[in-house]
Each structure stands twice: as C-alpha cells, then as structure tokens.
Amino acid sequence: MAADDRTAGGAAVGGGGAAGAAGTATRPQLRDRMGLDDRVAHVAVLLQTAVLAVLELFFLPLRLDGALLPAAGGWPFPISVVVAAVSMPLLVIAASSCSRKMSVAASPLLVWLGVLLVLGVFGPGGDVVLANDWRTLALFGAGALPGAVALGAIMGRPA
C-alpha cells in the first residue's frame, strides 16, 4: 500500500477488512489531492466545457430556412439543446474522475453556466446572443438538469 493511502496509525483509508481491500482492487481509488496529470485532465475538461458552451450558444438560433440548412418552412432547429443534454453529464463525470471533491465535479457545470450567461448577455461586440424564446430556456434546462443529476449521482457514491 502506498504511503499516501495510509493514515498516521497505519490503517488503510476508507475502511478495512476484506471488503475494503476488494473495493480498491476493482475500482480505482480517488484521492483528495490532485496530481499533475489530474490537474491537466481537469483543465482539459474545463476547456472542452467552455468551447461546447460557446458552440451551443452560437448554434442555438439555427433554423431550417434554406440559408445554412435545407429549407423546411423556417422551423427552429435547436440541435445545440440535444448536444448540451448529452455532453453535460459526461463532462461532469469526467471531471469527477480527477478528484473526490465536489467542487471539482461541479466545475464543468459552473463553467458552462458562466460562459452561457456572460456570452449570452454581453455577447461579442455588445450583441445579445440569447433569444427571448423557448430555445433559450430549453438550452439552460437541457444542459443544467442532466448535469445536476450527474452531480447528484456522484454525491451519492460511497467514499
């Protein structure tokens, strides 16, 4: 057992006995302190989160009007809502694999919300990027709710 896996008394952290030993053999033990590789991985997850938030925000007003997509009556085509719903839980889970701290696991969700709010309200060149319609609410709901559910599942994991 490594030196950082032991307490001052010599007992293994996270319980003892056969159950504790079997639990560490099947699942990698997460640490409270992040090493260099964990920090690099966490920064990469946060950068991916920020880039996805920008792309989701800028593709939110996409319409089937014949300009970029085929003409189909000018219907809204908010594909970024689906991308947010799929990617946010994955990003939260990826961040939680770096450390056991909830602040690390919640950081992609907070970065995503921050980027959406800052760029949506104070957009590039002073433009307001967030539209006043249902697509904005759908984007926030489809990204934040699955991310929060994934964070709750991480909080419910045994230590």
N, C-alpha and C. Protein backbone atom coordinates (compact mmCIF):
# COMPACT_ATOMS: atom_id res chain seq x y z
N MET A 1 0.86 -1.17 0.00
CA MET A 1 0.00 0.00 0.00
C MET A 1 0.90 1.23 0.00
N ALA A 2 0.59 2.21 -0.81
CA ALA A 2 1.41 3.41 -0.92
C ALA A 2 1.31 4.25 0.34
N ALA A 3 2.28 5.14 0.52
CA ALA A 3 2.33 5.97 1.71
C ALA A 3 1.16 6.93 1.78
N ASP A 4 0.67 7.42 0.63
CA ASP A 4 -0.44 8.37 0.67
C ASP A 4 -1.78 7.69 0.89
N ASP A 5 -1.83 6.34 0.87
CA ASP A 5 -3.06 5.61 1.11
C ASP A 5 -3.23 5.24 2.58
N ARG A 6 -2.29 5.60 3.40
CA ARG A 6 -2.32 5.23 4.82
C ARG A 6 -2.57 6.46 5.68
N THR A 7 -3.16 6.22 6.83
CA THR A 7 -3.32 7.27 7.82
C THR A 7 -2.13 7.21 8.76
N ALA A 8 -2.11 8.08 9.76
CA ALA A 8 -0.99 8.12 10.71
C ALA A 8 -0.89 6.82 11.50
N GLY A 9 -2.00 6.18 11.78
CA GLY A 9 -2.00 4.94 12.55
C GLY A 9 -1.64 3.72 11.73
N GLY A 10 -1.55 3.84 10.42
CA GLY A 10 -1.19 2.72 9.58
C GLY A 10 -2.39 1.99 9.00
N ALA A 11 -3.61 2.36 9.39
CA ALA A 11 -4.79 1.70 8.83
C ALA A 11 -5.11 2.32 7.48
N ALA A 12 -5.65 1.51 6.61
CA ALA A 12 -5.99 1.99 5.27
C ALA A 12 -7.16 2.96 5.34
N VAL A 13 -7.12 3.97 4.51
CA VAL A 13 -8.20 4.95 4.44
C VAL A 13 -9.38 4.30 3.74
N GLY A 14 -10.59 4.58 4.20
CA GLY A 14 -11.79 4.08 3.53
C GLY A 14 -12.27 2.76 4.08
N GLY A 15 -11.89 2.42 5.29
CA GLY A 15 -12.37 1.17 5.88
C GLY A 15 -11.34 0.09 5.75
N GLY A 16 -11.52 -0.94 6.49
CA GLY A 16 -10.56 -2.02 6.45
C GLY A 16 -11.24 -3.32 6.12
N GLY A 17 -10.54 -4.40 6.36
CA GLY A 17 -11.11 -5.71 6.14
C GLY A 17 -11.09 -6.12 4.69
N ALA A 18 -11.71 -7.25 4.43
CA ALA A 18 -11.72 -7.80 3.07
C ALA A 18 -12.56 -6.95 2.13
N ALA A 19 -13.62 -6.34 2.64
CA ALA A 19 -14.47 -5.52 1.77
C ALA A 19 -13.72 -4.29 1.30
N GLY A 20 -12.94 -3.68 2.18
CA GLY A 20 -12.17 -2.51 1.78
C GLY A 20 -11.10 -2.87 0.77
N ALA A 21 -10.45 -4.01 0.95
CA ALA A 21 -9.41 -4.42 0.02
C ALA A 21 -10.00 -4.80 -1.33
N ALA A 22 -11.16 -5.45 -1.30
CA ALA A 22 -11.78 -5.85 -2.56
C ALA A 22 -12.30 -4.63 -3.31
N GLY A 23 -12.76 -3.61 -2.58
CA GLY A 23 -13.28 -2.41 -3.22
C GLY A 23 -12.19 -1.63 -3.95
N THR A 24 -10.98 -1.61 -3.39
CA THR A 24 -9.90 -0.89 -4.04
C THR A 24 -9.33 -1.67 -5.22
N ALA A 25 -9.52 -2.97 -5.23
CA ALA A 25 -8.97 -3.76 -6.33
C ALA A 25 -9.83 -3.61 -7.60
N THR A 26 -11.12 -3.43 -7.43
CA THR A 26 -12.00 -3.36 -8.59
C THR A 26 -12.21 -1.94 -9.09
N ARG A 27 -12.13 -0.95 -8.23
CA ARG A 27 -12.38 0.43 -8.60
C ARG A 27 -11.18 1.28 -8.23
N PRO A 28 -10.68 2.13 -9.13
CA PRO A 28 -9.52 2.94 -8.77
C PRO A 28 -9.88 3.91 -7.65
N GLN A 29 -8.95 4.04 -6.72
CA GLN A 29 -9.16 4.90 -5.57
C GLN A 29 -8.93 6.36 -5.96
N LEU A 30 -9.93 7.21 -5.72
CA LEU A 30 -9.79 8.63 -5.98
C LEU A 30 -9.14 9.30 -4.78
N ARG A 31 -8.33 10.30 -5.06
CA ARG A 31 -7.62 10.99 -4.00
C ARG A 31 -8.23 12.36 -3.78
N ASP A 32 -8.02 12.89 -2.56
CA ASP A 32 -8.46 14.25 -2.27
C ASP A 32 -7.55 15.25 -2.97
N ARG A 33 -6.28 14.94 -3.07
CA ARG A 33 -5.32 15.84 -3.70
C ARG A 33 -5.11 15.43 -5.15
N MET A 34 -5.08 16.41 -6.02
CA MET A 34 -4.93 16.13 -7.45
C MET A 34 -3.45 16.19 -7.82
N GLY A 35 -3.01 15.20 -8.56
CA GLY A 35 -1.66 15.22 -9.10
C GLY A 35 -1.61 16.05 -10.37
N LEU A 36 -0.44 16.13 -10.96
CA LEU A 36 -0.27 16.93 -12.17
C LEU A 36 -1.12 16.40 -13.32
N ASP A 37 -1.15 15.08 -13.49
CA ASP A 37 -1.95 14.52 -14.58
C ASP A 37 -3.45 14.76 -14.36
N ASP A 38 -3.90 14.72 -13.10
CA ASP A 38 -5.30 15.02 -12.81
C ASP A 38 -5.62 16.49 -13.07
N ARG A 39 -4.69 17.36 -12.74
CA ARG A 39 -4.91 18.79 -12.99
C ARG A 39 -4.98 19.09 -14.48
N VAL A 40 -4.10 18.47 -15.26
CA VAL A 40 -4.12 18.67 -16.71
C VAL A 40 -5.43 18.13 -17.30
N ALA A 41 -5.85 16.98 -16.83
CA ALA A 41 -7.11 16.41 -17.31
C ALA A 41 -8.29 17.29 -16.93
N HIS A 42 -8.26 17.86 -15.73
CA HIS A 42 -9.34 18.73 -15.30
C HIS A 42 -9.39 20.02 -16.11
N VAL A 43 -8.24 20.60 -16.38
CA VAL A 43 -8.19 21.80 -17.22
C VAL A 43 -8.70 21.48 -18.64
N ALA A 44 -8.36 20.31 -19.15
CA ALA A 44 -8.84 19.91 -20.48
C ALA A 44 -10.36 19.77 -20.48
N VAL A 45 -10.92 19.21 -19.43
CA VAL A 45 -12.38 19.09 -19.33
C VAL A 45 -13.02 20.46 -19.27
N LEU A 46 -12.44 21.38 -18.52
CA LEU A 46 -13.00 22.74 -18.42
C LEU A 46 -12.90 23.49 -19.74
N LEU A 47 -11.81 23.29 -20.47
CA LEU A 47 -11.69 23.92 -21.80
C LEU A 47 -12.73 23.34 -22.77
N GLN A 48 -12.93 22.04 -22.73
CA GLN A 48 -13.96 21.43 -23.57
C GLN A 48 -15.34 21.96 -23.21
N THR A 49 -15.57 22.16 -21.92
CA THR A 49 -16.86 22.69 -21.47
C THR A 49 -17.08 24.09 -22.01
N ALA A 50 -16.06 24.94 -21.94
CA ALA A 50 -16.19 26.32 -22.41
C ALA A 50 -16.42 26.36 -23.92
N VAL A 51 -15.68 25.55 -24.67
CA VAL A 51 -15.84 25.53 -26.12
C VAL A 51 -17.24 25.02 -26.50
N LEU A 52 -17.69 23.97 -25.83
CA LEU A 52 -19.04 23.47 -26.10
C LEU A 52 -20.11 24.50 -25.76
N ALA A 53 -19.94 25.24 -24.69
CA ALA A 53 -20.91 26.26 -24.33
C ALA A 53 -20.98 27.35 -25.39
N VAL A 54 -19.84 27.76 -25.91
CA VAL A 54 -19.82 28.79 -26.96
C VAL A 54 -20.50 28.26 -28.21
N LEU A 55 -20.18 27.06 -28.63
CA LEU A 55 -20.79 26.49 -29.83
C LEU A 55 -22.29 26.28 -29.65
N GLU A 56 -22.70 25.79 -28.49
CA GLU A 56 -24.12 25.59 -28.24
C GLU A 56 -24.87 26.92 -28.28
N LEU A 57 -24.26 27.95 -27.75
CA LEU A 57 -24.92 29.26 -27.74
C LEU A 57 -25.03 29.85 -29.14
N PHE A 58 -23.97 29.74 -29.92
CA PHE A 58 -23.99 30.34 -31.25
C PHE A 58 -24.82 29.56 -32.26
N PHE A 59 -25.01 28.26 -32.05
CA PHE A 59 -25.85 27.47 -32.95
C PHE A 59 -27.30 27.36 -32.45
N LEU A 60 -27.63 28.00 -31.35
CA LEU A 60 -28.99 27.94 -30.83
C LEU A 60 -30.02 28.55 -31.77
N PRO A 61 -29.76 29.68 -32.44
CA PRO A 61 -30.79 30.25 -33.32
C PRO A 61 -30.87 29.59 -34.70
N LEU A 62 -30.28 28.43 -34.89
CA LEU A 62 -30.30 27.75 -36.17
C LEU A 62 -31.73 27.42 -36.60
N ARG A 63 -32.02 27.67 -37.89
CA ARG A 63 -33.37 27.44 -38.43
C ARG A 63 -33.28 26.69 -39.75
N LEU A 64 -34.33 25.98 -40.06
CA LEU A 64 -34.44 25.30 -41.35
C LEU A 64 -35.03 26.28 -42.37
N ASP A 65 -34.23 27.25 -42.78
CA ASP A 65 -34.74 28.31 -43.66
C ASP A 65 -34.05 28.36 -45.02
N GLY A 66 -33.17 27.44 -45.30
CA GLY A 66 -32.51 27.41 -46.60
C GLY A 66 -31.20 28.16 -46.65
N ALA A 67 -30.86 28.91 -45.62
CA ALA A 67 -29.60 29.65 -45.62
C ALA A 67 -28.42 28.73 -45.31
N LEU A 68 -28.49 28.02 -44.21
CA LEU A 68 -27.42 27.10 -43.82
C LEU A 68 -27.89 25.65 -43.90
N LEU A 69 -29.12 25.42 -43.51
CA LEU A 69 -29.73 24.10 -43.56
C LEU A 69 -30.77 24.08 -44.66
N PRO A 70 -31.25 22.92 -45.05
CA PRO A 70 -32.28 22.86 -46.09
C PRO A 70 -33.54 23.64 -45.69
N ALA A 71 -34.24 24.14 -46.67
CA ALA A 71 -35.47 24.89 -46.41
C ALA A 71 -36.59 23.93 -46.04
N ALA A 72 -37.19 24.18 -44.88
CA ALA A 72 -38.31 23.36 -44.43
C ALA A 72 -39.29 24.24 -43.66
N GLY A 73 -39.66 25.34 -44.23
CA GLY A 73 -40.65 26.21 -43.61
C GLY A 73 -40.11 27.16 -42.57
N GLY A 74 -38.81 27.25 -42.40
CA GLY A 74 -38.23 28.17 -41.42
C GLY A 74 -38.37 27.72 -39.98
N TRP A 75 -38.58 26.42 -39.75
CA TRP A 75 -38.73 25.91 -38.40
C TRP A 75 -37.42 26.03 -37.62
N PRO A 76 -37.50 26.31 -36.31
CA PRO A 76 -36.28 26.31 -35.48
C PRO A 76 -35.69 24.91 -35.40
N PHE A 77 -34.36 24.85 -35.40
CA PHE A 77 -33.65 23.58 -35.33
C PHE A 77 -32.59 23.68 -34.23
N PRO A 78 -33.00 23.64 -32.96
CA PRO A 78 -32.05 23.83 -31.85
C PRO A 78 -31.28 22.56 -31.51
N ILE A 79 -30.40 22.14 -32.40
CA ILE A 79 -29.61 20.94 -32.16
C ILE A 79 -28.67 21.10 -30.97
N SER A 80 -28.33 22.34 -30.64
CA SER A 80 -27.43 22.57 -29.52
C SER A 80 -28.08 22.17 -28.19
N VAL A 81 -29.39 22.14 -28.13
CA VAL A 81 -30.08 21.69 -26.92
C VAL A 81 -29.79 20.20 -26.70
N VAL A 82 -29.82 19.43 -27.75
CA VAL A 82 -29.53 18.00 -27.66
C VAL A 82 -28.06 17.78 -27.30
N VAL A 83 -27.18 18.56 -27.90
CA VAL A 83 -25.75 18.44 -27.59
C VAL A 83 -25.50 18.75 -26.12
N ALA A 84 -26.15 19.78 -25.58
CA ALA A 84 -25.99 20.13 -24.16
C ALA A 84 -26.51 19.02 -23.26
N ALA A 85 -27.64 18.43 -23.62
CA ALA A 85 -28.23 17.37 -22.80
C ALA A 85 -27.34 16.13 -22.74
N VAL A 86 -26.64 15.85 -23.82
CA VAL A 86 -25.78 14.67 -23.86
C VAL A 86 -24.40 14.95 -23.26
N SER A 87 -23.84 16.12 -23.53
CA SER A 87 -22.45 16.38 -23.15
C SER A 87 -22.27 16.79 -21.69
N MET A 88 -23.22 17.48 -21.09
CA MET A 88 -23.01 17.96 -19.72
C MET A 88 -22.84 16.83 -18.69
N PRO A 89 -23.66 15.80 -18.70
CA PRO A 89 -23.40 14.72 -17.73
C PRO A 89 -22.05 14.04 -17.96
N LEU A 90 -21.67 13.90 -19.21
CA LEU A 90 -20.38 13.27 -19.50
C LEU A 90 -19.22 14.13 -19.00
N LEU A 91 -19.33 15.45 -19.14
CA LEU A 91 -18.28 16.34 -18.66
C LEU A 91 -18.20 16.35 -17.13
N VAL A 92 -19.34 16.29 -16.47
CA VAL A 92 -19.35 16.24 -15.00
C VAL A 92 -18.72 14.93 -14.52
N ILE A 93 -19.06 13.83 -15.18
CA ILE A 93 -18.48 12.54 -14.80
C ILE A 93 -16.98 12.52 -15.07
N ALA A 94 -16.55 13.12 -16.18
CA ALA A 94 -15.12 13.17 -16.48
C ALA A 94 -14.37 14.01 -15.46
N ALA A 95 -14.95 15.10 -15.01
CA ALA A 95 -14.29 15.93 -14.00
C ALA A 95 -14.25 15.22 -12.66
N SER A 96 -15.27 14.44 -12.35
CA SER A 96 -15.28 13.75 -11.06
C SER A 96 -14.26 12.63 -11.00
N SER A 97 -13.78 12.19 -12.14
CA SER A 97 -12.75 11.14 -12.12
C SER A 97 -11.38 11.69 -11.75
N CYS A 98 -11.25 13.01 -11.69
CA CYS A 98 -9.97 13.62 -11.32
C CYS A 98 -9.79 13.73 -9.82
N SER A 99 -10.87 13.91 -9.08
CA SER A 99 -10.79 14.09 -7.64
C SER A 99 -12.13 13.77 -7.01
N ARG A 100 -12.12 13.53 -5.69
CA ARG A 100 -13.36 13.26 -4.97
C ARG A 100 -14.08 14.53 -4.56
N LYS A 101 -13.45 15.67 -4.69
CA LYS A 101 -14.05 16.93 -4.24
C LYS A 101 -15.24 17.30 -5.12
N MET A 102 -16.30 17.75 -4.48
CA MET A 102 -17.49 18.15 -5.22
C MET A 102 -17.26 19.42 -6.03
N SER A 103 -16.35 20.27 -5.57
CA SER A 103 -16.05 21.49 -6.34
C SER A 103 -15.41 21.13 -7.68
N VAL A 104 -14.62 20.09 -7.72
CA VAL A 104 -14.02 19.64 -8.98
C VAL A 104 -15.09 19.03 -9.88
N ALA A 105 -15.97 18.23 -9.31
CA ALA A 105 -17.02 17.60 -10.10
C ALA A 105 -18.03 18.62 -10.62
N ALA A 106 -18.31 19.66 -9.84
CA ALA A 106 -19.30 20.67 -10.23
C ALA A 106 -18.72 21.73 -11.15
N SER A 107 -17.42 21.80 -11.29
CA SER A 107 -16.80 22.89 -12.06
C SER A 107 -17.22 22.92 -13.53
N PRO A 108 -17.40 21.80 -14.24
CA PRO A 108 -17.88 21.93 -15.62
C PRO A 108 -19.27 22.55 -15.71
N LEU A 109 -20.14 22.20 -14.79
CA LEU A 109 -21.48 22.78 -14.79
C LEU A 109 -21.43 24.28 -14.53
N LEU A 110 -20.58 24.69 -13.60
CA LEU A 110 -20.46 26.12 -13.30
C LEU A 110 -19.81 26.89 -14.44
N VAL A 111 -18.79 26.31 -15.08
CA VAL A 111 -18.16 26.96 -16.22
C VAL A 111 -19.15 27.08 -17.37
N TRP A 112 -19.92 26.04 -17.62
CA TRP A 112 -20.90 26.07 -18.70
C TRP A 112 -21.94 27.16 -18.47
N LEU A 113 -22.48 27.22 -17.25
CA LEU A 113 -23.46 28.26 -16.94
C LEU A 113 -22.85 29.65 -17.04
N GLY A 114 -21.62 29.81 -16.54
CA GLY A 114 -20.96 31.11 -16.60
C GLY A 114 -20.71 31.59 -18.02
N VAL A 115 -20.23 30.68 -18.87
CA VAL A 115 -19.97 31.05 -20.27
C VAL A 115 -21.28 31.41 -20.97
N LEU A 116 -22.33 30.63 -20.75
CA LEU A 116 -23.61 30.94 -21.38
C LEU A 116 -24.15 32.30 -20.92
N LEU A 117 -24.06 32.57 -19.64
CA LEU A 117 -24.58 33.84 -19.15
C LEU A 117 -23.76 35.03 -19.63
N VAL A 118 -22.43 34.92 -19.54
CA VAL A 118 -21.58 36.05 -19.94
C VAL A 118 -21.68 36.30 -21.43
N LEU A 119 -21.52 35.27 -22.24
CA LEU A 119 -21.60 35.47 -23.69
C LEU A 119 -23.03 35.72 -24.17
N GLY A 120 -24.00 35.17 -23.48
CA GLY A 120 -25.38 35.38 -23.89
C GLY A 120 -25.87 36.79 -23.63
N VAL A 121 -25.44 37.37 -22.54
CA VAL A 121 -25.89 38.72 -22.19
C VAL A 121 -24.97 39.79 -22.74
N PHE A 122 -23.66 39.58 -22.61
CA PHE A 122 -22.68 40.57 -23.07
C PHE A 122 -21.94 40.04 -24.29
N GLY A 123 -22.64 39.52 -25.26
CA GLY A 123 -22.06 38.83 -26.41
C GLY A 123 -20.97 39.60 -27.13
N PRO A 124 -20.43 39.01 -28.17
CA PRO A 124 -19.35 39.65 -28.91
C PRO A 124 -19.82 40.95 -29.56
N GLY A 125 -19.08 42.00 -29.36
CA GLY A 125 -19.43 43.30 -29.91
C GLY A 125 -20.61 43.94 -29.22
N GLY A 126 -20.96 43.48 -28.02
CA GLY A 126 -22.07 44.04 -27.28
C GLY A 126 -23.42 43.49 -27.69
N ASP A 127 -23.45 42.52 -28.59
CA ASP A 127 -24.71 41.92 -29.03
C ASP A 127 -25.27 40.98 -27.96
N VAL A 128 -26.57 40.91 -27.88
CA VAL A 128 -27.23 39.95 -27.01
C VAL A 128 -27.50 38.71 -27.84
N VAL A 129 -26.85 37.61 -27.47
CA VAL A 129 -26.94 36.38 -28.27
C VAL A 129 -28.14 35.54 -27.87
N LEU A 130 -28.53 35.58 -26.61
CA LEU A 130 -29.66 34.77 -26.15
C LEU A 130 -30.97 35.37 -26.66
N ALA A 131 -31.75 34.55 -27.32
CA ALA A 131 -33.04 34.99 -27.83
C ALA A 131 -34.08 34.93 -26.72
N ASN A 132 -35.11 35.71 -26.86
CA ASN A 132 -36.20 35.71 -25.88
C ASN A 132 -37.29 34.76 -26.32
N ASP A 133 -36.96 33.47 -26.40
CA ASP A 133 -37.96 32.48 -26.76
C ASP A 133 -37.68 31.16 -26.04
N TRP A 134 -38.39 30.13 -26.41
CA TRP A 134 -38.33 28.85 -25.73
C TRP A 134 -36.99 28.14 -25.90
N ARG A 135 -36.24 28.46 -26.95
CA ARG A 135 -34.98 27.76 -27.18
C ARG A 135 -33.95 28.07 -26.10
N THR A 136 -33.95 29.29 -25.59
CA THR A 136 -33.02 29.66 -24.53
C THR A 136 -33.34 28.87 -23.26
N LEU A 137 -34.60 28.81 -22.90
CA LEU A 137 -35.00 28.04 -21.72
C LEU A 137 -34.69 26.55 -21.91
N ALA A 138 -34.91 26.05 -23.12
CA ALA A 138 -34.61 24.64 -23.39
C ALA A 138 -33.11 24.37 -23.28
N LEU A 139 -32.28 25.30 -23.74
CA LEU A 139 -30.83 25.10 -23.63
C LEU A 139 -30.39 25.05 -22.19
N PHE A 140 -30.84 26.02 -21.39
CA PHE A 140 -30.45 26.02 -19.98
C PHE A 140 -30.98 24.79 -19.25
N GLY A 141 -32.21 24.41 -19.52
CA GLY A 141 -32.77 23.23 -18.86
C GLY A 141 -32.13 21.93 -19.30
N ALA A 142 -31.89 21.80 -20.61
CA ALA A 142 -31.32 20.55 -21.12
C ALA A 142 -29.86 20.39 -20.76
N GLY A 143 -29.17 21.47 -20.47
CA GLY A 143 -27.78 21.36 -20.05
C GLY A 143 -27.62 21.26 -18.55
N ALA A 144 -28.35 22.09 -17.82
CA ALA A 144 -28.17 22.15 -16.37
C ALA A 144 -28.81 20.97 -15.65
N LEU A 145 -29.98 20.54 -16.08
CA LEU A 145 -30.66 19.45 -15.37
C LEU A 145 -29.91 18.12 -15.46
N PRO A 146 -29.51 17.65 -16.64
CA PRO A 146 -28.74 16.39 -16.66
C PRO A 146 -27.39 16.51 -15.96
N GLY A 147 -26.77 17.70 -16.06
CA GLY A 147 -25.50 17.90 -15.35
C GLY A 147 -25.69 17.85 -13.84
N ALA A 148 -26.79 18.43 -13.35
CA ALA A 148 -27.07 18.39 -11.91
C ALA A 148 -27.43 16.98 -11.45
N VAL A 149 -28.13 16.23 -12.29
CA VAL A 149 -28.46 14.85 -11.95
C VAL A 149 -27.17 14.01 -11.87
N ALA A 150 -26.26 14.22 -12.81
CA ALA A 150 -24.98 13.50 -12.77
C ALA A 150 -24.19 13.90 -11.53
N LEU A 151 -24.23 15.17 -11.15
CA LEU A 151 -23.54 15.62 -9.94
C LEU A 151 -24.17 14.99 -8.70
N GLY A 152 -25.49 14.88 -8.68
CA GLY A 152 -26.15 14.22 -7.56
C GLY A 152 -25.80 12.74 -7.46
N ALA A 153 -25.65 12.09 -8.60
CA ALA A 153 -25.23 10.68 -8.60
C ALA A 153 -23.81 10.54 -8.07
N ILE A 154 -22.98 11.51 -8.39
CA ILE A 154 -21.59 11.48 -7.89
C ILE A 154 -21.58 11.72 -6.39
N MET A 155 -22.44 12.62 -5.91
CA MET A 155 -22.52 12.88 -4.47
C MET A 155 -23.03 11.66 -3.72
N GLY A 156 -23.84 10.85 -4.35
CA GLY A 156 -24.40 9.67 -3.71
C GLY A 156 -23.49 8.46 -3.71
N ARG A 157 -22.35 8.56 -4.40
CA ARG A 157 -21.40 7.43 -4.41
C ARG A 157 -20.79 7.22 -3.04
N PRO A 158 -20.56 5.99 -2.69
CA PRO A 158 -19.84 5.75 -1.42
C PRO A 158 -18.39 6.19 -1.55
N ALA A 159 -17.85 6.67 -0.46
CA ALA A 159 -16.48 7.21 -0.46
C ALA A 159 -15.42 6.17 -0.59
